[in-house]
Amino acid sequence: MEKLLYLPTHEYIITDGVTGRIGISEYAARQLGNVVYVDMPEVDDEIVAGEEFGAIESVKAASDLFAPVSGTVVGVNEALLDNPRLISENPLKQWIVEIELSDASELDSLLTPEAYTELCANEKH
């Protein structure tokens, strides 16, 4: 069964505990507006939990992307290279990278959807 988990920096991971797809949350996509560029790692790159793995730019702002967990990149969403706006339209469907997790226990430190919703509600105040 797949789980959806979040970082406080607005990245998500949808994972089965072995692999995961990482992207930005709907909240982050709304804050950014129209995405114009996504910088992502390449297949076989290693990413480390809590560290930057890429960047995203919109007409409003640029933001670094942080890895929710450590792992090896096994896929990138090539559709975003040609049309980065797709991420603005459906961020949970338009993941950025797919990884093979190196330590599934790192998932335990991430936010549940309920905790993440509460975090976003508090940011608006």
PDB file of N, CA and C in Angstrom:
ATOM      1  N   MET A   1       0.831  -1.180   0.000  1.00  0.00           N
ATOM      2  CA  MET A   1       0.000   0.000   0.000  1.00  0.00           C
ATOM      3  C   MET A   1       0.883   1.253   0.000  1.00  0.00           C
ATOM      4  N   GLU A   2       0.556   2.190  -0.859  1.00  0.00           N
ATOM      5  CA  GLU A   2       1.351   3.412  -0.944  1.00  0.00           C
ATOM      6  C   GLU A   2       0.940   4.413   0.130  1.00  0.00           C
ATOM      7  N   LYS A   3       1.959   5.133   0.632  1.00  0.00           N
ATOM      8  CA  LYS A   3       1.733   6.173   1.626  1.00  0.00           C
ATOM      9  C   LYS A   3       2.148   7.508   1.034  1.00  0.00           C
ATOM     10  N   LEU A   4       1.427   8.560   1.423  1.00  0.00           N
ATOM     11  CA  LEU A   4       1.757   9.925   1.050  1.00  0.00           C
ATOM     12  C   LEU A   4       2.267  10.618   2.302  1.00  0.00           C
ATOM     13  N   LEU A   5       3.507  11.146   2.222  1.00  0.00           N
ATOM     14  CA  LEU A   5       4.128  11.815   3.353  1.00  0.00           C
ATOM     15  C   LEU A   5       4.760  13.121   2.877  1.00  0.00           C
ATOM     16  N   TYR A   6       4.999  14.041   3.814  1.00  0.00           N
ATOM     17  CA  TYR A   6       5.483  15.372   3.451  1.00  0.00           C
ATOM     18  C   TYR A   6       6.673  15.810   4.292  1.00  0.00           C
ATOM     19  N   LEU A   7       7.445  16.733   3.726  1.00  0.00           N
ATOM     20  CA  LEU A   7       8.446  17.497   4.462  1.00  0.00           C
ATOM     21  C   LEU A   7       7.829  18.842   4.828  1.00  0.00           C
ATOM     22  N   PRO A   8       8.275  19.484   5.901  1.00  0.00           N
ATOM     23  CA  PRO A   8       7.779  20.832   6.220  1.00  0.00           C
ATOM     24  C   PRO A   8       8.110  21.858   5.132  1.00  0.00           C
ATOM     25  N   THR A   9       9.074  21.541   4.259  1.00  0.00           N
ATOM     26  CA  THR A   9       9.459  22.441   3.164  1.00  0.00           C
ATOM     27  C   THR A   9       8.589  22.236   1.923  1.00  0.00           C
ATOM     28  N   HIS A  10       7.518  21.443   2.049  1.00  0.00           N
ATOM     29  CA  HIS A  10       6.474  21.294   1.027  1.00  0.00           C
ATOM     30  C   HIS A  10       6.788  20.315  -0.105  1.00  0.00           C
ATOM     31  N   GLU A  11       7.757  19.426   0.101  1.00  0.00           N
ATOM     32  CA  GLU A  11       7.936  18.324  -0.826  1.00  0.00           C
ATOM     33  C   GLU A  11       7.138  17.133  -0.292  1.00  0.00           C
ATOM     34  N   TYR A  12       6.709  16.277  -1.214  1.00  0.00           N
ATOM     35  CA  TYR A  12       6.010  15.056  -0.792  1.00  0.00           C
ATOM     36  C   TYR A  12       6.742  13.849  -1.345  1.00  0.00           C
ATOM     37  N   ILE A  13       6.432  12.709  -0.770  1.00  0.00           N
ATOM     38  CA  ILE A  13       6.842  11.430  -1.342  1.00  0.00           C
ATOM     39  C   ILE A  13       5.636  10.504  -1.275  1.00  0.00           C
ATOM     40  N   ILE A  14       5.375   9.837  -2.384  1.00  0.00           N
ATOM     41  CA  ILE A  14       4.374   8.773  -2.434  1.00  0.00           C
ATOM     42  C   ILE A  14       5.200   7.496  -2.544  1.00  0.00           C
ATOM     43  N   THR A  15       5.097   6.629  -1.529  1.00  0.00           N
ATOM     44  CA  THR A  15       6.009   5.497  -1.464  1.00  0.00           C
ATOM     45  C   THR A  15       5.320   4.207  -1.049  1.00  0.00           C
ATOM     46  N   ASP A  16       5.922   3.117  -1.497  1.00  0.00           N
ATOM     47  CA  ASP A  16       5.509   1.784  -1.059  1.00  0.00           C
ATOM     48  C   ASP A  16       6.519   1.230  -0.057  1.00  0.00           C
ATOM     49  N   GLY A  17       7.492   2.059   0.339  1.00  0.00           N
ATOM     50  CA  GLY A  17       8.530   1.639   1.268  1.00  0.00           C
ATOM     51  C   GLY A  17       9.795   1.149   0.586  1.00  0.00           C
ATOM     52  N   VAL A  18       9.724   0.903  -0.718  1.00  0.00           N
ATOM     53  CA  VAL A  18      10.882   0.456  -1.488  1.00  0.00           C
ATOM     54  C   VAL A  18      11.293   1.535  -2.490  1.00  0.00           C
ATOM     55  N   THR A  19      10.297   2.044  -3.222  1.00  0.00           N
ATOM     56  CA  THR A  19      10.529   3.145  -4.155  1.00  0.00           C
ATOM     57  C   THR A  19       9.581   4.287  -3.783  1.00  0.00           C
ATOM     58  N   GLY A  20       9.851   5.455  -4.341  1.00  0.00           N
ATOM     59  CA  GLY A  20       8.978   6.589  -4.065  1.00  0.00           C
ATOM     60  C   GLY A  20       9.072   7.631  -5.155  1.00  0.00           C
ATOM     61  N   ARG A  21       7.981   8.356  -5.340  1.00  0.00           N
ATOM     62  CA  ARG A  21       7.932   9.470  -6.273  1.00  0.00           C
ATOM     63  C   ARG A  21       7.889  10.755  -5.451  1.00  0.00           C
ATOM     64  N   ILE A  22       8.798  11.686  -5.747  1.00  0.00           N
ATOM     65  CA  ILE A  22       8.928  12.930  -5.002  1.00  0.00           C
ATOM     66  C   ILE A  22       8.491  14.095  -5.868  1.00  0.00           C
ATOM     67  N   GLY A  23       7.735  15.017  -5.256  1.00  0.00           N
ATOM     68  CA  GLY A  23       7.303  16.216  -5.963  1.00  0.00           C
ATOM     69  C   GLY A  23       7.028  17.320  -4.962  1.00  0.00           C
ATOM     70  N   ILE A  24       6.329  18.348  -5.421  1.00  0.00           N
ATOM     71  CA  ILE A  24       5.950  19.435  -4.516  1.00  0.00           C
ATOM     72  C   ILE A  24       4.463  19.338  -4.211  1.00  0.00           C
ATOM     73  N   SER A  25       4.095  19.806  -3.040  1.00  0.00           N
ATOM     74  CA  SER A  25       2.706  19.712  -2.599  1.00  0.00           C
ATOM     75  C   SER A  25       1.808  20.682  -3.369  1.00  0.00           C
ATOM     76  N   GLU A  26       0.511  20.443  -3.266  1.00  0.00           N
ATOM     77  CA  GLU A  26      -0.457  21.351  -3.879  1.00  0.00           C
ATOM     78  C   GLU A  26      -0.332  22.741  -3.269  1.00  0.00           C
ATOM     79  N   TYR A  27      -0.086  22.811  -1.961  1.00  0.00           N
ATOM     80  CA  TYR A  27       0.096  24.099  -1.286  1.00  0.00           C
ATOM     81  C   TYR A  27       1.275  24.857  -1.908  1.00  0.00           C
ATOM     82  N   ALA A  28       2.408  24.172  -2.092  1.00  0.00           N
ATOM     83  CA  ALA A  28       3.589  24.801  -2.687  1.00  0.00           C
ATOM     84  C   ALA A  28       3.309  25.245  -4.120  1.00  0.00           C
ATOM     85  N   ALA A  29       2.614  24.410  -4.868  1.00  0.00           N
ATOM     86  CA  ALA A  29       2.302  24.750  -6.261  1.00  0.00           C
ATOM     87  C   ALA A  29       1.440  26.011  -6.328  1.00  0.00           C
ATOM     88  N   ARG A  30       0.484  26.136  -5.410  1.00  0.00           N
ATOM     89  CA  ARG A  30      -0.355  27.352  -5.378  1.00  0.00           C
ATOM     90  C   ARG A  30       0.474  28.581  -5.026  1.00  0.00           C
ATOM     91  N   GLN A  31       1.397  28.431  -4.082  1.00  0.00           N
ATOM     92  CA  GLN A  31       2.241  29.550  -3.676  1.00  0.00           C
ATOM     93  C   GLN A  31       3.160  29.991  -4.814  1.00  0.00           C
ATOM     94  N   LEU A  32       3.677  29.032  -5.577  1.00  0.00           N
ATOM     95  CA  LEU A  32       4.597  29.346  -6.664  1.00  0.00           C
ATOM     96  C   LEU A  32       3.894  29.954  -7.872  1.00  0.00           C
ATOM     97  N   GLY A  33       2.691  29.512  -8.159  1.00  0.00           N
ATOM     98  CA  GLY A  33       2.023  29.955  -9.386  1.00  0.00           C
ATOM     99  C   GLY A  33       2.532  29.151 -10.570  1.00  0.00           C
ATOM    100  N   ASN A  34       2.630  29.789 -11.728  1.00  0.00           N
ATOM    101  CA  ASN A  34       3.034  29.076 -12.941  1.00  0.00           C
ATOM    102  C   ASN A  34       4.505  28.713 -12.912  1.00  0.00           C
ATOM    103  N   VAL A  35       4.779  27.416 -12.887  1.00  0.00           N
ATOM    104  CA  VAL A  35       6.152  26.925 -12.884  1.00  0.00           C
ATOM    105  C   VAL A  35       6.718  27.048 -14.297  1.00  0.00           C
ATOM    106  N   VAL A  36       7.933  27.610 -14.387  1.00  0.00           N
ATOM    107  CA  VAL A  36       8.558  27.802 -15.695  1.00  0.00           C
ATOM    108  C   VAL A  36       9.799  26.934 -15.902  1.00  0.00           C
ATOM    109  N   TYR A  37      10.337  26.369 -14.795  1.00  0.00           N
ATOM    110  CA  TYR A  37      11.554  25.557 -14.925  1.00  0.00           C
ATOM    111  C   TYR A  37      11.693  24.629 -13.724  1.00  0.00           C
ATOM    112  N   VAL A  38      12.114  23.393 -13.988  1.00  0.00           N
ATOM    113  CA  VAL A  38      12.399  22.435 -12.918  1.00  0.00           C
ATOM    114  C   VAL A  38      13.797  21.871 -13.166  1.00  0.00           C
ATOM    115  N   ASP A  39      14.680  22.053 -12.184  1.00  0.00           N
ATOM    116  CA  ASP A  39      16.026  21.489 -12.235  1.00  0.00           C
ATOM    117  C   ASP A  39      16.001  20.205 -11.424  1.00  0.00           C
ATOM    118  N   MET A  40      16.308  19.087 -12.059  1.00  0.00           N
ATOM    119  CA  MET A  40      16.241  17.802 -11.365  1.00  0.00           C
ATOM    120  C   MET A  40      17.508  16.998 -11.586  1.00  0.00           C
ATOM    121  N   PRO A  41      17.774  16.068 -10.674  1.00  0.00           N
ATOM    122  CA  PRO A  41      18.961  15.224 -10.833  1.00  0.00           C
ATOM    123  C   PRO A  41      18.781  14.258 -12.000  1.00  0.00           C
ATOM    124  N   GLU A  42      19.843  13.517 -12.262  1.00  0.00           N
ATOM    125  CA  GLU A  42      19.800  12.518 -13.327  1.00  0.00           C
ATOM    126  C   GLU A  42      19.626  11.120 -12.740  1.00  0.00           C
ATOM    127  N   VAL A  43      19.183  10.198 -13.579  1.00  0.00           N
ATOM    128  CA  VAL A  43      19.058   8.800 -13.170  1.00  0.00           C
ATOM    129  C   VAL A  43      20.422   8.318 -12.674  1.00  0.00           C
ATOM    130  N   ASP A  44      20.399   7.552 -11.599  1.00  0.00           N
ATOM    131  CA  ASP A  44      21.574   7.003 -10.908  1.00  0.00           C
ATOM    132  C   ASP A  44      22.224   7.985  -9.938  1.00  0.00           C
ATOM    133  N   ASP A  45      21.772   9.249  -9.890  1.00  0.00           N
ATOM    134  CA  ASP A  45      22.279  10.177  -8.881  1.00  0.00           C
ATOM    135  C   ASP A  45      21.784   9.743  -7.508  1.00  0.00           C
ATOM    136  N   GLU A  46      22.591   9.981  -6.499  1.00  0.00           N
ATOM    137  CA  GLU A  46      22.202   9.720  -5.115  1.00  0.00           C
ATOM    138  C   GLU A  46      21.650  11.010  -4.520  1.00  0.00           C
ATOM    139  N   ILE A  47      20.548  10.913  -3.790  1.00  0.00           N
ATOM    140  CA  ILE A  47      20.040  12.066  -3.053  1.00  0.00           C
ATOM    141  C   ILE A  47      20.026  11.697  -1.573  1.00  0.00           C
ATOM    142  N   VAL A  48      20.159  12.726  -0.733  1.00  0.00           N
ATOM    143  CA  VAL A  48      20.293  12.505   0.709  1.00  0.00           C
ATOM    144  C   VAL A  48      19.165  13.233   1.426  1.00  0.00           C
ATOM    145  N   ALA A  49      18.526  12.543   2.358  1.00  0.00           N
ATOM    146  CA  ALA A  49      17.406  13.109   3.119  1.00  0.00           C
ATOM    147  C   ALA A  49      17.786  14.463   3.700  1.00  0.00           C
ATOM    148  N   GLY A  50      16.913  15.456   3.484  1.00  0.00           N
ATOM    149  CA  GLY A  50      17.108  16.793   4.030  1.00  0.00           C
ATOM    150  C   GLY A  50      18.016  17.681   3.212  1.00  0.00           C
ATOM    151  N   GLU A  51      18.652  17.126   2.185  1.00  0.00           N
ATOM    152  CA  GLU A  51      19.555  17.924   1.357  1.00  0.00           C
ATOM    153  C   GLU A  51      18.888  18.289   0.036  1.00  0.00           C
ATOM    154  N   GLU A  52      19.398  19.341  -0.567  1.00  0.00           N
ATOM    155  CA  GLU A  52      18.872  19.844  -1.833  1.00  0.00           C
ATOM    156  C   GLU A  52      19.144  18.837  -2.952  1.00  0.00           C
ATOM    157  N   PHE A  53      18.119  18.607  -3.789  1.00  0.00           N
ATOM    158  CA  PHE A  53      18.331  17.713  -4.935  1.00  0.00           C
ATOM    159  C   PHE A  53      17.980  18.376  -6.254  1.00  0.00           C
ATOM    160  N   GLY A  54      17.479  19.611  -6.210  1.00  0.00           N
ATOM    161  CA  GLY A  54      17.110  20.316  -7.425  1.00  0.00           C
ATOM    162  C   GLY A  54      16.499  21.649  -7.056  1.00  0.00           C
ATOM    163  N   ALA A  55      15.854  22.258  -8.049  1.00  0.00           N
ATOM    164  CA  ALA A  55      15.216  23.551  -7.821  1.00  0.00           C
ATOM    165  C   ALA A  55      14.007  23.678  -8.734  1.00  0.00           C
ATOM    166  N   ILE A  56      13.132  24.589  -8.344  1.00  0.00           N
ATOM    167  CA  ILE A  56      11.936  24.855  -9.143  1.00  0.00           C
ATOM    168  C   ILE A  56      11.769  26.363  -9.236  1.00  0.00           C
ATOM    169  N   GLU A  57      11.427  26.839 -10.432  1.00  0.00           N
ATOM    170  CA  GLU A  57      11.266  28.272 -10.634  1.00  0.00           C
ATOM    171  C   GLU A  57       9.892  28.550 -11.213  1.00  0.00           C
ATOM    172  N   SER A  58       9.314  29.637 -10.740  1.00  0.00           N
ATOM    173  CA  SER A  58       8.035  30.095 -11.279  1.00  0.00           C
ATOM    174  C   SER A  58       8.182  31.560 -11.647  1.00  0.00           C
ATOM    175  N   VAL A  59       7.098  32.132 -12.165  1.00  0.00           N
ATOM    176  CA  VAL A  59       7.134  33.550 -12.485  1.00  0.00           C
ATOM    177  C   VAL A  59       7.250  34.385 -11.212  1.00  0.00           C
ATOM    178  N   LYS A  60       6.893  33.811 -10.053  1.00  0.00           N
ATOM    179  CA  LYS A  60       6.926  34.523  -8.777  1.00  0.00           C
ATOM    180  C   LYS A  60       8.217  34.326  -7.998  1.00  0.00           C
ATOM    181  N   ALA A  61       8.790  33.118  -8.036  1.00  0.00           N
ATOM    182  CA  ALA A  61       9.903  32.799  -7.134  1.00  0.00           C
ATOM    183  C   ALA A  61      10.679  31.580  -7.608  1.00  0.00           C
ATOM    184  N   ALA A  62      11.823  31.377  -6.977  1.00  0.00           N
ATOM    185  CA  ALA A  62      12.615  30.166  -7.183  1.00  0.00           C
ATOM    186  C   ALA A  62      12.793  29.513  -5.821  1.00  0.00           C
ATOM    187  N   SER A  63      12.731  28.197  -5.787  1.00  0.00           N
ATOM    188  CA  SER A  63      12.866  27.469  -4.529  1.00  0.00           C
ATOM    189  C   SER A  63      13.733  26.240  -4.740  1.00  0.00           C
ATOM    190  N   ASP A  64      14.556  25.936  -3.728  1.00  0.00           N
ATOM    191  CA  ASP A  64      15.296  24.686  -3.742  1.00  0.00           C
ATOM    192  C   ASP A  64      14.339  23.551  -3.419  1.00  0.00           C
ATOM    193  N   LEU A  65      14.659  22.373  -3.901  1.00  0.00           N
ATOM    194  CA  LEU A  65      13.896  21.165  -3.611  1.00  0.00           C
ATOM    195  C   LEU A  65      14.716  20.306  -2.659  1.00  0.00           C
ATOM    196  N   PHE A  66      14.089  19.832  -1.590  1.00  0.00           N
ATOM    197  CA  PHE A  66      14.789  19.030  -0.591  1.00  0.00           C
ATOM    198  C   PHE A  66      14.265  17.599  -0.599  1.00  0.00           C
ATOM    199  N   ALA A  67      15.176  16.666  -0.416  1.00  0.00           N
ATOM    200  CA  ALA A  67      14.834  15.246  -0.450  1.00  0.00           C
ATOM    201  C   ALA A  67      14.175  14.815   0.853  1.00  0.00           C
ATOM    202  N   PRO A  68      12.995  14.210   0.798  1.00  0.00           N
ATOM    203  CA  PRO A  68      12.350  13.694   2.005  1.00  0.00           C
ATOM    204  C   PRO A  68      13.107  12.506   2.594  1.00  0.00           C
ATOM    205  N   VAL A  69      13.728  11.707   1.729  1.00  0.00           N
ATOM    206  CA  VAL A  69      14.474  10.517   2.148  1.00  0.00           C
ATOM    207  C   VAL A  69      15.692  10.360   1.244  1.00  0.00           C
ATOM    208  N   SER A  70      16.594   9.487   1.636  1.00  0.00           N
ATOM    209  CA  SER A  70      17.780   9.192   0.832  1.00  0.00           C
ATOM    210  C   SER A  70      17.485   8.066  -0.148  1.00  0.00           C
ATOM    211  N   GLY A  71      18.198   8.099  -1.272  1.00  0.00           N
ATOM    212  CA  GLY A  71      18.034   7.023  -2.237  1.00  0.00           C
ATOM    213  C   GLY A  71      18.719   7.305  -3.548  1.00  0.00           C
ATOM    214  N   THR A  72      18.506   6.410  -4.482  1.00  0.00           N
ATOM    215  CA  THR A  72      19.072   6.508  -5.818  1.00  0.00           C
ATOM    216  C   THR A  72      17.955   6.865  -6.798  1.00  0.00           C
ATOM    217  N   VAL A  73      18.201   7.862  -7.621  1.00  0.00           N
ATOM    218  CA  VAL A  73      17.210   8.271  -8.624  1.00  0.00           C
ATOM    219  C   VAL A  73      17.100   7.173  -9.677  1.00  0.00           C
ATOM    220  N   VAL A  74      15.876   6.656  -9.858  1.00  0.00           N
ATOM    221  CA  VAL A  74      15.640   5.617 -10.869  1.00  0.00           C
ATOM    222  C   VAL A  74      14.792   6.145 -12.028  1.00  0.00           C
ATOM    223  N   GLY A  75      14.259   7.367 -11.882  1.00  0.00           N
ATOM    224  CA  GLY A  75      13.479   7.957 -12.963  1.00  0.00           C
ATOM    225  C   GLY A  75      13.279   9.446 -12.735  1.00  0.00           C
ATOM    226  N   VAL A  76      13.141  10.171 -13.828  1.00  0.00           N
ATOM    227  CA  VAL A  76      12.792  11.592 -13.764  1.00  0.00           C
ATOM    228  C   VAL A  76      11.568  11.818 -14.642  1.00  0.00           C
ATOM    229  N   ASN A  77      10.760  12.798 -14.274  1.00  0.00           N
ATOM    230  CA  ASN A  77       9.548  13.077 -15.039  1.00  0.00           C
ATOM    231  C   ASN A  77       9.927  13.960 -16.226  1.00  0.00           C
ATOM    232  N   GLU A  78      10.226  13.312 -17.342  1.00  0.00           N
ATOM    233  CA  GLU A  78      10.707  14.016 -18.534  1.00  0.00           C
ATOM    234  C   GLU A  78       9.666  14.980 -19.092  1.00  0.00           C
ATOM    235  N   ALA A  79       8.386  14.741 -18.826  1.00  0.00           N
ATOM    236  CA  ALA A  79       7.340  15.639 -19.323  1.00  0.00           C
ATOM    237  C   ALA A  79       7.546  17.050 -18.777  1.00  0.00           C
ATOM    238  N   LEU A  80       8.124  17.163 -17.581  1.00  0.00           N
ATOM    239  CA  LEU A  80       8.340  18.478 -16.976  1.00  0.00           C
ATOM    240  C   LEU A  80       9.439  19.263 -17.677  1.00  0.00           C
ATOM    241  N   LEU A  81      10.346  18.570 -18.363  1.00  0.00           N
ATOM    242  CA  LEU A  81      11.408  19.266 -19.090  1.00  0.00           C
ATOM    243  C   LEU A  81      10.807  20.091 -20.228  1.00  0.00           C
ATOM    244  N   ASP A  82       9.839  19.522 -20.917  1.00  0.00           N
ATOM    245  CA  ASP A  82       9.197  20.216 -22.035  1.00  0.00           C
ATOM    246  C   ASP A  82       8.074  21.142 -21.581  1.00  0.00           C
ATOM    247  N   ASN A  83       7.408  20.784 -20.480  1.00  0.00           N
ATOM    248  CA  ASN A  83       6.254  21.556 -20.035  1.00  0.00           C
ATOM    249  C   ASN A  83       6.209  21.623 -18.510  1.00  0.00           C
ATOM    250  N   PRO A  84       7.059  22.471 -17.901  1.00  0.00           N
ATOM    251  CA  PRO A  84       7.097  22.543 -16.433  1.00  0.00           C
ATOM    252  C   PRO A  84       5.785  22.995 -15.803  1.00  0.00           C
ATOM    253  N   ARG A  85       4.914  23.639 -16.585  1.00  0.00           N
ATOM    254  CA  ARG A  85       3.620  24.087 -16.049  1.00  0.00           C
ATOM    255  C   ARG A  85       2.739  22.931 -15.603  1.00  0.00           C
ATOM    256  N   LEU A  86       3.001  21.730 -16.102  1.00  0.00           N
ATOM    257  CA  LEU A  86       2.212  20.562 -15.693  1.00  0.00           C
ATOM    258  C   LEU A  86       2.202  20.413 -14.175  1.00  0.00           C
ATOM    259  N   ILE A  87       3.310  20.758 -13.542  1.00  0.00           N
ATOM    260  CA  ILE A  87       3.406  20.622 -12.094  1.00  0.00           C
ATOM    261  C   ILE A  87       2.428  21.555 -11.388  1.00  0.00           C
ATOM    262  N   SER A  88       2.152  22.710 -11.985  1.00  0.00           N
ATOM    263  CA  SER A  88       1.200  23.662 -11.404  1.00  0.00           C
ATOM    264  C   SER A  88      -0.226  23.133 -11.486  1.00  0.00           C
ATOM    265  N   GLU A  89      -0.502  22.362 -12.535  1.00  0.00           N
ATOM    266  CA  GLU A  89      -1.862  21.880 -12.781  1.00  0.00           C
ATOM    267  C   GLU A  89      -2.241  20.694 -11.899  1.00  0.00           C
ATOM    268  N   ASN A  90      -1.281  19.797 -11.643  1.00  0.00           N
ATOM    269  CA  ASN A  90      -1.578  18.613 -10.829  1.00  0.00           C
ATOM    270  C   ASN A  90      -0.295  18.120 -10.160  1.00  0.00           C
ATOM    271  N   PRO A  91       0.131  18.785  -9.076  1.00  0.00           N
ATOM    272  CA  PRO A  91       1.424  18.450  -8.475  1.00  0.00           C
ATOM    273  C   PRO A  91       1.541  17.029  -7.932  1.00  0.00           C
ATOM    274  N   LEU A  92       0.445  16.439  -7.471  1.00  0.00           N
ATOM    275  CA  LEU A  92       0.545  15.070  -6.954  1.00  0.00           C
ATOM    276  C   LEU A  92       0.677  14.046  -8.075  1.00  0.00           C
ATOM    277  N   LYS A  93       0.195  14.380  -9.245  1.00  0.00           N
ATOM    278  CA  LYS A  93       0.340  13.481 -10.392  1.00  0.00           C
ATOM    279  C   LYS A  93       1.683  13.727 -11.088  1.00  0.00           C
ATOM    280  N   GLN A  94       2.118  14.970 -11.102  1.00  0.00           N
ATOM    281  CA  GLN A  94       3.352  15.330 -11.808  1.00  0.00           C
ATOM    282  C   GLN A  94       4.539  15.347 -10.855  1.00  0.00           C
ATOM    283  N   TRP A  95       4.936  14.164 -10.404  1.00  0.00           N
ATOM    284  CA  TRP A  95       6.118  14.012  -9.563  1.00  0.00           C
ATOM    285  C   TRP A  95       7.347  14.475 -10.324  1.00  0.00           C
ATOM    286  N   ILE A  96       8.430  14.729  -9.586  1.00  0.00           N
ATOM    287  CA  ILE A  96       9.661  15.232 -10.202  1.00  0.00           C
ATOM    288  C   ILE A  96      10.666  14.107 -10.425  1.00  0.00           C
ATOM    289  N   VAL A  97      10.944  13.335  -9.365  1.00  0.00           N
ATOM    290  CA  VAL A  97      11.866  12.204  -9.492  1.00  0.00           C
ATOM    291  C   VAL A  97      11.280  10.970  -8.826  1.00  0.00           C
ATOM    292  N   GLU A  98      11.729   9.826  -9.291  1.00  0.00           N
ATOM    293  CA  GLU A  98      11.388   8.558  -8.650  1.00  0.00           C
ATOM    294  C   GLU A  98      12.693   7.973  -8.122  1.00  0.00           C
ATOM    295  N   ILE A  99      12.655   7.520  -6.872  1.00  0.00           N
ATOM    296  CA  ILE A  99      13.877   6.995  -6.265  1.00  0.00           C
ATOM    297  C   ILE A  99      13.652   5.601  -5.699  1.00  0.00           C
ATOM    298  N   GLU A 100      14.787   4.896  -5.543  1.00  0.00           N
ATOM    299  CA  GLU A 100      14.809   3.658  -4.780  1.00  0.00           C
ATOM    300  C   GLU A 100      15.340   4.049  -3.403  1.00  0.00           C
ATOM    301  N   LEU A 101      14.536   3.834  -2.372  1.00  0.00           N
ATOM    302  CA  LEU A 101      14.904   4.249  -1.020  1.00  0.00           C
ATOM    303  C   LEU A 101      16.105   3.456  -0.518  1.00  0.00           C
ATOM    304  N   SER A 102      17.025   4.147   0.157  1.00  0.00           N
ATOM    305  CA  SER A 102      18.158   3.439   0.747  1.00  0.00           C
ATOM    306  C   SER A 102      17.918   3.127   2.220  1.00  0.00           C
ATOM    307  N   ASP A 103      16.979   3.840   2.867  1.00  0.00           N
ATOM    308  CA  ASP A 103      16.688   3.590   4.277  1.00  0.00           C
ATOM    309  C   ASP A 103      15.221   3.942   4.548  1.00  0.00           C
ATOM    310  N   ALA A 104      14.361   2.953   4.503  1.00  0.00           N
ATOM    311  CA  ALA A 104      12.922   3.188   4.666  1.00  0.00           C
ATOM    312  C   ALA A 104      12.580   3.756   6.040  1.00  0.00           C
ATOM    313  N   SER A 105      13.449   3.593   7.027  1.00  0.00           N
ATOM    314  CA  SER A 105      13.159   4.138   8.361  1.00  0.00           C
ATOM    315  C   SER A 105      13.122   5.669   8.349  1.00  0.00           C
ATOM    316  N   GLU A 106      13.727   6.296   7.346  1.00  0.00           N
ATOM    317  CA  GLU A 106      13.676   7.767   7.227  1.00  0.00           C
ATOM    318  C   GLU A 106      12.243   8.258   7.026  1.00  0.00           C
ATOM    319  N   LEU A 107      11.371   7.399   6.534  1.00  0.00           N
ATOM    320  CA  LEU A 107       9.967   7.775   6.323  1.00  0.00           C
ATOM    321  C   LEU A 107       9.291   8.130   7.644  1.00  0.00           C
ATOM    322  N   ASP A 108       9.772   7.550   8.743  1.00  0.00           N
ATOM    323  CA  ASP A 108       9.156   7.768  10.051  1.00  0.00           C
ATOM    324  C   ASP A 108       9.240   9.222  10.519  1.00  0.00           C
ATOM    325  N   SER A 109      10.181   9.993   9.989  1.00  0.00           N
ATOM    326  CA  SER A 109      10.351  11.381  10.429  1.00  0.00           C
ATOM    327  C   SER A 109       9.526  12.365   9.597  1.00  0.00           C
ATOM    328  N   LEU A 110       8.810  11.878   8.590  1.00  0.00           N
ATOM    329  CA  LEU A 110       8.037  12.761   7.710  1.00  0.00           C
ATOM    330  C   LEU A 110       6.640  13.022   8.269  1.00  0.00           C
ATOM    331  N   LEU A 111       6.000  14.051   7.730  1.00  0.00           N
ATOM    332  CA  LEU A 111       4.667  14.446   8.186  1.00  0.00           C
ATOM    333  C   LEU A 111       3.580  13.633   7.487  1.00  0.00           C
ATOM    334  N   THR A 112       2.572  13.254   8.254  1.00  0.00           N
ATOM    335  CA  THR A 112       1.386  12.634   7.668  1.00  0.00           C
ATOM    336  C   THR A 112       0.596  13.715   6.937  1.00  0.00           C
ATOM    337  N   PRO A 113      -0.333  13.335   6.057  1.00  0.00           N
ATOM    338  CA  PRO A 113      -1.156  14.355   5.398  1.00  0.00           C
ATOM    339  C   PRO A 113      -1.885  15.261   6.406  1.00  0.00           C
ATOM    340  N   GLU A 114      -2.336  14.692   7.516  1.00  0.00           N
ATOM    341  CA  GLU A 114      -3.061  15.492   8.518  1.00  0.00           C
ATOM    342  C   GLU A 114      -2.127  16.511   9.177  1.00  0.00           C
ATOM    343  N   ALA A 115      -0.929  16.076   9.553  1.00  0.00           N
ATOM    344  CA  ALA A 115       0.038  16.979  10.177  1.00  0.00           C
ATOM    345  C   ALA A 115       0.483  18.060   9.196  1.00  0.00           C
ATOM    346  N   TYR A 116       0.621  17.679   7.918  1.00  0.00           N
ATOM    347  CA  TYR A 116       1.029  18.647   6.903  1.00  0.00           C
ATOM    348  C   TYR A 116      -0.062  19.697   6.682  1.00  0.00           C
ATOM    349  N   THR A 117      -1.315  19.263   6.644  1.00  0.00           N
ATOM    350  CA  THR A 117      -2.440  20.201   6.486  1.00  0.00           C
ATOM    351  C   THR A 117      -2.446  21.210   7.631  1.00  0.00           C
ATOM    352  N   GLU A 118      -2.183  20.739   8.831  1.00  0.00           N
ATOM    353  CA  GLU A 118      -2.131  21.623  10.001  1.00  0.00           C
ATOM    354  C   GLU A 118      -0.963  22.618   9.875  1.00  0.00           C
ATOM    355  N   LEU A 119       0.179  22.150   9.420  1.00  0.00           N
ATOM    356  CA  LEU A 119       1.338  23.022   9.208  1.00  0.00           C
ATOM    357  C   LEU A 119       0.991  24.133   8.221  1.00  0.00           C
ATOM    358  N   CYS A 120       0.356  23.785   7.108  1.00  0.00           N
ATOM    359  CA  CYS A 120      -0.018  24.779   6.096  1.00  0.00           C
ATOM    360  C   CYS A 120      -1.028  25.782   6.653  1.00  0.00           C
ATOM    361  N   ALA A 121      -1.974  25.313   7.433  1.00  0.00           N
ATOM    362  CA  ALA A 121      -2.975  26.202   8.032  1.00  0.00           C
ATOM    363  C   ALA A 121      -2.291  27.220   8.961  1.00  0.00           C
ATOM    364  N   ASN A 122      -1.294  26.767   9.699  1.00  0.00           N
ATOM    365  CA  ASN A 122      -0.556  27.657  10.599  1.00  0.00           C
ATOM    366  C   ASN A 122       0.302  28.655   9.842  1.00  0.00           C
ATOM    367  N   GLU A 123       0.803  28.283   8.648  1.00  0.00           N
ATOM    368  CA  GLU A 123       1.622  29.194   7.851  1.00  0.00           C
ATOM    369  C   GLU A 123       0.793  30.352   7.313  1.00  0.00           C
ATOM    370  N   LYS A 124      -0.477  30.141   7.103  1.00  0.00           N
ATOM    371  CA  LYS A 124      -1.327  31.184   6.522  1.00  0.00           C
ATOM    372  C   LYS A 124      -1.610  32.297   7.517  1.00  0.00           C
ATOM    373  N   HIS A 125      -1.407  32.044   8.817  1.00  0.00           N
ATOM    374  CA  HIS A 125      -1.717  33.041   9.852  1.00  0.00           C
ATOM    375  C   HIS A 125      -0.514  33.904  10.146  1.00  0.00           C
TER     376      HIS A 125
END
